[in-house]
C-alpha atoms as a PDB file:
ATOM      1  CA  MET A   1     -31.933  23.938  -2.652  1.00  0.00           C
ATOM      2  CA  LYS A   2     -29.232  24.014  -5.351  1.00  0.00           C
ATOM      3  CA  LYS A   3     -26.592  24.605  -2.668  1.00  0.00           C
ATOM      4  CA  VAL A   4     -27.729  21.497  -0.765  1.00  0.00           C
ATOM      5  CA  VAL A   5     -27.537  19.361  -3.913  1.00  0.00           C
ATOM      6  CA  VAL A   6     -24.091  20.741  -4.800  1.00  0.00           C
ATOM      7  CA  VAL A   7     -22.785  20.162  -1.264  1.00  0.00           C
ATOM      8  CA  ALA A   8     -24.262  16.649  -1.134  1.00  0.00           C
ATOM      9  CA  GLY A   9     -22.748  15.862  -4.532  1.00  0.00           C
ATOM     10  CA  ALA A  10     -19.337  17.132  -3.436  1.00  0.00           C
ATOM     11  CA  LEU A  11     -19.510  15.030  -0.275  1.00  0.00           C
ATOM     12  CA  LEU A  12     -20.437  11.915  -2.255  1.00  0.00           C
ATOM     13  CA  LEU A  13     -17.647  12.532  -4.757  1.00  0.00           C
ATOM     14  CA  GLY A  14     -15.165  13.064  -1.920  1.00  0.00           C
ATOM     15  CA  SER A  15     -16.244   9.922  -0.101  1.00  0.00           C
ATOM     16  CA  SER A  16     -15.977   7.820  -3.276  1.00  0.00           C
ATOM     17  CA  THR A  17     -12.423   9.121  -3.769  1.00  0.00           C
ATOM     18  CA  VAL A  18     -11.536   8.141  -0.202  1.00  0.00           C
ATOM     19  CA  MET A  19     -13.056   4.679  -0.733  1.00  0.00           C
ATOM     20  CA  ALA A  20     -11.102   4.304  -3.995  1.00  0.00           C
ATOM     21  CA  ASP A  21      -7.885   5.365  -2.222  1.00  0.00           C
ATOM     22  CA  GLN A  22      -8.526   2.839   0.554  1.00  0.00           C
ATOM     23  CA  LYS A  23      -9.263   0.121  -2.003  1.00  0.00           C
ATOM     24  CA  LEU A  24      -5.971   0.829  -3.801  1.00  0.00           C
ATOM     25  CA  ALA A  25      -4.040   0.902  -0.517  1.00  0.00           C
ATOM     26  CA  VAL A  26      -5.576  -2.464   0.446  1.00  0.00           C
ATOM     27  CA  GLU A  27      -4.702  -3.943  -2.970  1.00  0.00           C
ATOM     28  CA  GLN A  28      -1.092  -2.787  -2.584  1.00  0.00           C
ATOM     29  CA  ASP A  29      -0.943  -4.109   0.975  1.00  0.00           C
ATOM     30  CA  ASN A  30      -2.387  -7.500   0.015  1.00  0.00           C
ATOM     31  CA  PHE A  31       0.022  -7.784  -2.896  1.00  0.00           C
ATOM     32  CA  MET A  32       3.027  -7.153  -0.640  1.00  0.00           C
ATOM     33  CA  ARG A  33       1.650  -9.532   2.002  1.00  0.00           C
ATOM     34  CA  GLY A  34       1.635 -12.280  -0.631  1.00  0.00           C
ATOM     35  CA  ILE A  35       5.294 -11.622  -1.391  1.00  0.00           C
ATOM     36  CA  GLY A  36       6.037 -11.346   2.316  1.00  0.00           C
ATOM     37  CA  LYS A  37       4.437 -14.711   2.984  1.00  0.00           C
ATOM     38  CA  ALA A  38       6.845 -16.371   0.560  1.00  0.00           C
ATOM     39  CA  VAL A  39       9.877 -14.788   2.223  1.00  0.00           C
ATOM     40  CA  TYR A  40       8.931 -14.223   5.860  1.00  0.00           C
ATOM     41  CA  VAL A  41       6.701 -17.234   6.437  1.00  0.00           C
ATOM     42  CA  THR A  42       7.887 -19.998   4.125  1.00  0.00           C
ATOM     43  CA  MET A  43      11.612 -19.201   3.965  1.00  0.00           C
ATOM     44  CA  LEU A  44      12.130 -17.689   7.417  1.00  0.00           C
ATOM     45  CA  LYS A  45      10.151 -20.278   9.354  1.00  0.00           C
ATOM     46  CA  MET A  46      11.725 -23.125   7.398  1.00  0.00           C
ATOM     47  CA  SER A  47      15.207 -21.692   7.997  1.00  0.00           C
ATOM     48  CA  LYS A  48      14.535 -21.617  11.744  1.00  0.00           C
ATOM     49  CA  GLY A  49      13.125 -25.142  11.774  1.00  0.00           C
ATOM     50  CA  GLU A  50       9.654 -23.855  12.703  1.00  0.00           C
ATOM     51  CA  LEU A  51       8.392 -25.491   9.496  1.00  0.00           C
ATOM     52  CA  PRO A  52       9.816 -28.762   8.201  1.00  0.00           C
ATOM     53  CA  TYR A  53      11.938 -28.538   5.069  1.00  0.00           C
ATOM     54  CA  ASP A  54       9.614 -28.865   2.078  1.00  0.00           C
ATOM     55  CA  GLN A  55      11.087 -28.553  -1.413  1.00  0.00           C
ATOM     56  CA  ALA A  56       7.645 -28.044  -2.980  1.00  0.00           C
ATOM     57  CA  ALA A  57       6.970 -25.115  -0.629  1.00  0.00           C
ATOM     58  CA  VAL A  58      10.384 -23.609  -1.416  1.00  0.00           C
ATOM     59  CA  ASP A  59       9.765 -23.963  -5.149  1.00  0.00           C
ATOM     60  CA  ALA A  60       6.298 -22.410  -4.783  1.00  0.00           C
ATOM     61  CA  ALA A  61       7.719 -19.493  -2.775  1.00  0.00           C
ATOM     62  CA  LEU A  62      10.384 -18.838  -5.419  1.00  0.00           C
ATOM     63  CA  ALA A  63       7.783 -19.096  -8.187  1.00  0.00           C
ATOM     64  CA  LYS A  64       5.600 -16.574  -6.341  1.00  0.00           C
ATOM     65  CA  LEU A  65       8.545 -14.199  -6.013  1.00  0.00           C
ATOM     66  CA  GLU A  66       9.585 -14.711  -9.635  1.00  0.00           C
ATOM     67  CA  THR A  67       6.066 -13.849 -10.795  1.00  0.00           C
ATOM     68  CA  ASP A  68       5.149 -11.052  -8.401  1.00  0.00           C
ATOM     69  CA  VAL A  69       8.299  -9.071  -7.594  1.00  0.00           C
ATOM     70  CA  PRO A  70       8.587  -7.666 -11.154  1.00  0.00           C
ATOM     71  CA  LYS A  71       5.012  -6.342 -10.796  1.00  0.00           C
ATOM     72  CA  ILE A  72       5.883  -4.091  -7.831  1.00  0.00           C
ATOM     73  CA  PRO A  73       6.493  -0.915  -9.906  1.00  0.00           C
ATOM     74  CA  THR A  74       3.112  -1.340 -11.619  1.00  0.00           C
ATOM     75  CA  VAL A  75       1.243  -2.136  -8.402  1.00  0.00           C
ATOM     76  CA  PHE A  76       2.707   1.022  -6.839  1.00  0.00           C
ATOM     77  CA  LYS A  77       2.197   3.193  -9.930  1.00  0.00           C
ATOM     78  CA  THR A  78      -0.542   5.214  -8.227  1.00  0.00           C
ATOM     79  CA  ASN A  79      -0.307   6.808  -4.789  1.00  0.00           C
ATOM     80  CA  PRO A  80      -3.435   5.888  -2.775  1.00  0.00           C
ATOM     81  CA  LYS A  81      -2.797   8.949  -0.574  1.00  0.00           C
ATOM     82  CA  GLU A  82      -3.753   7.022   2.562  1.00  0.00           C
ATOM     83  CA  GLN A  83      -2.709   3.965   4.545  1.00  0.00           C
ATOM     84  CA  VAL A  84      -4.676   0.794   5.111  1.00  0.00           C
ATOM     85  CA  VAL A  85      -6.840   1.160   8.211  1.00  0.00           C
ATOM     86  CA  ASN A  86      -5.271  -0.665  11.199  1.00  0.00           C
ATOM     87  CA  ALA A  87      -2.232  -1.831   9.190  1.00  0.00           C
ATOM     88  CA  SER A  88       1.114  -2.388  10.889  1.00  0.00           C
ATOM     89  CA  PHE A  89       3.101  -1.233   7.851  1.00  0.00           C
ATOM     90  CA  GLY A  90       2.391   1.073   4.972  1.00  0.00           C
ATOM     91  CA  ALA A  91       3.851   2.633   1.859  1.00  0.00           C
ATOM     92  CA  SER A  92       5.907   5.780   2.310  1.00  0.00           C
ATOM     93  CA  LYS A  93       5.054   8.836   0.256  1.00  0.00           C
ATOM     94  CA  LYS A  94       8.755   8.727  -0.737  1.00  0.00           C
ATOM     95  CA  ILE A  95       7.798   6.054  -3.300  1.00  0.00           C
ATOM     96  CA  TRP A  96       6.025   8.589  -5.492  1.00  0.00           C
ATOM     97  CA  LYS A  97       8.563  11.354  -4.819  1.00  0.00           C
ATOM     98  CA  ASN A  98      11.406   9.147  -6.071  1.00  0.00           C
ATOM     99  CA  LYS A  99       9.658   6.519  -8.192  1.00  0.00           C
ATOM    100  CA  ALA A 100      12.725   5.762 -10.331  1.00  0.00           C
ATOM    101  CA  ASP A 101      14.775   4.847  -7.250  1.00  0.00           C
ATOM    102  CA  PHE A 102      11.888   2.804  -5.837  1.00  0.00           C
ATOM    103  CA  ASP A 103      11.523   0.926  -9.124  1.00  0.00           C
ATOM    104  CA  SER A 104      15.290   0.302  -9.265  1.00  0.00           C
ATOM    105  CA  LYS A 105      15.094  -1.706  -6.025  1.00  0.00           C
ATOM    106  CA  VAL A 106      13.182  -4.468  -7.839  1.00  0.00           C
ATOM    107  CA  LYS A 107      15.977  -5.654 -10.122  1.00  0.00           C
ATOM    108  CA  PRO A 108      18.342  -6.852  -7.338  1.00  0.00           C
ATOM    109  CA  VAL A 109      15.487  -8.890  -5.832  1.00  0.00           C
ATOM    110  CA  THR A 110      14.544 -10.492  -9.155  1.00  0.00           C
ATOM    111  CA  GLU A 111      18.215 -11.282  -9.810  1.00  0.00           C
ATOM    112  CA  ALA A 112      18.548 -12.875  -6.349  1.00  0.00           C
ATOM    113  CA  VAL A 113      15.426 -14.991  -6.925  1.00  0.00           C
ATOM    114  CA  ALA A 114      16.768 -16.165 -10.298  1.00  0.00           C
ATOM    115  CA  ASP A 115      20.138 -16.973  -8.736  1.00  0.00           C
ATOM    116  CA  LEU A 116      18.543 -18.994  -5.911  1.00  0.00           C
ATOM    117  CA  LYS A 117      16.471 -21.213  -8.181  1.00  0.00           C
ATOM    118  CA  GLY A 118      17.789 -24.775  -8.039  1.00  0.00           C
ATOM    119  CA  LYS A 119      20.232 -23.993  -5.218  1.00  0.00           C
ATOM    120  CA  ILE A 120      17.967 -24.565  -2.215  1.00  0.00           C
ATOM    121  CA  LYS A 121      18.159 -28.202  -1.170  1.00  0.00           C
ATOM    122  CA  ASP A 122      17.959 -28.264   2.647  1.00  0.00           C
ATOM    123  CA  GLN A 123      17.397 -26.172   5.783  1.00  0.00           C
ATOM    124  CA  ALA A 124      20.893 -24.646   5.644  1.00  0.00           C
ATOM    125  CA  SER A 125      20.416 -23.460   2.061  1.00  0.00           C
ATOM    126  CA  VAL A 126      16.962 -22.099   2.951  1.00  0.00           C
ATOM    127  CA  LYS A 127      18.659 -20.015   5.661  1.00  0.00           C
ATOM    128  CA  MET A 128      21.160 -18.701   3.121  1.00  0.00           C
ATOM    129  CA  ALA A 129      18.338 -17.960   0.683  1.00  0.00           C
ATOM    130  CA  PHE A 130      16.289 -16.166   3.341  1.00  0.00           C
ATOM    131  CA  ASP A 131      19.269 -14.021   4.355  1.00  0.00           C
ATOM    132  CA  THR A 132      19.886 -13.075   0.721  1.00  0.00           C
ATOM    133  CA  LEU A 133      16.244 -12.239   0.029  1.00  0.00           C
ATOM    134  CA  ASN A 134      15.822 -10.394   3.321  1.00  0.00           C
ATOM    135  CA  ASP A 135      18.842  -8.207   2.545  1.00  0.00           C
ATOM    136  CA  LYS A 136      17.546  -7.402  -0.938  1.00  0.00           C
ATOM    137  CA  CYS A 137      14.001  -6.702   0.311  1.00  0.00           C
ATOM    138  CA  ASN A 138      15.252  -4.522   3.161  1.00  0.00           C
ATOM    139  CA  ALA A 139      17.178  -2.357   0.712  1.00  0.00           C
ATOM    140  CA  CYS A 140      13.753  -1.085  -0.339  1.00  0.00           C
ATOM    141  CA  HIS A 141      11.889  -1.455   2.944  1.00  0.00           C
ATOM    142  CA  GLU A 142      14.366   0.745   4.842  1.00  0.00           C
ATOM    143  CA  THR A 143      13.395   3.732   2.714  1.00  0.00           C
ATOM    144  CA  TYR A 144       9.959   2.999   1.320  1.00  0.00           C
ATOM    145  CA  ARG A 145       8.046   1.048   3.988  1.00  0.00           C
ATOM    146  CA  LEU A 146       6.574   2.802   7.011  1.00  0.00           C
ATOM    147  CA  LYS A 147       6.071   1.189  10.388  1.00  0.00           C
ATOM    148  CA  LEU A 148       2.608   2.360  11.412  1.00  0.00           C
ATOM    149  CA  LYS A 149       2.197   0.491  14.702  1.00  0.00           C
END
């Protein structure tokens, strides 16, 4: 009987760890989706003319980036050890093998965001801003983001 209780307890503990890992992976994914929305929905679609130019939306996107990008090292402090179920992209294990390099990718993005503030005034400048942000974001994504699907 003791063996059954010990085995059941181990299974419950293991399943709670898996659920905690999935929860952390989902939190990280949702956080990056929020940042991605600012860049790849607002800026990209506006730069292509798929969304009308909207200064308030541009300002909100930059504010989102200014607030959230510096939080990336903290959000990715812990390795969830699994990917989000059915996600298209995920976090590479390389993040936690080379955390200092991963963290160093944040500063160029925050500097670009600061530099862009007040400079976006029309569709052409949104295109320039998107290209700048996309280049800075991809410097990290090329190494630390996995394509899962």
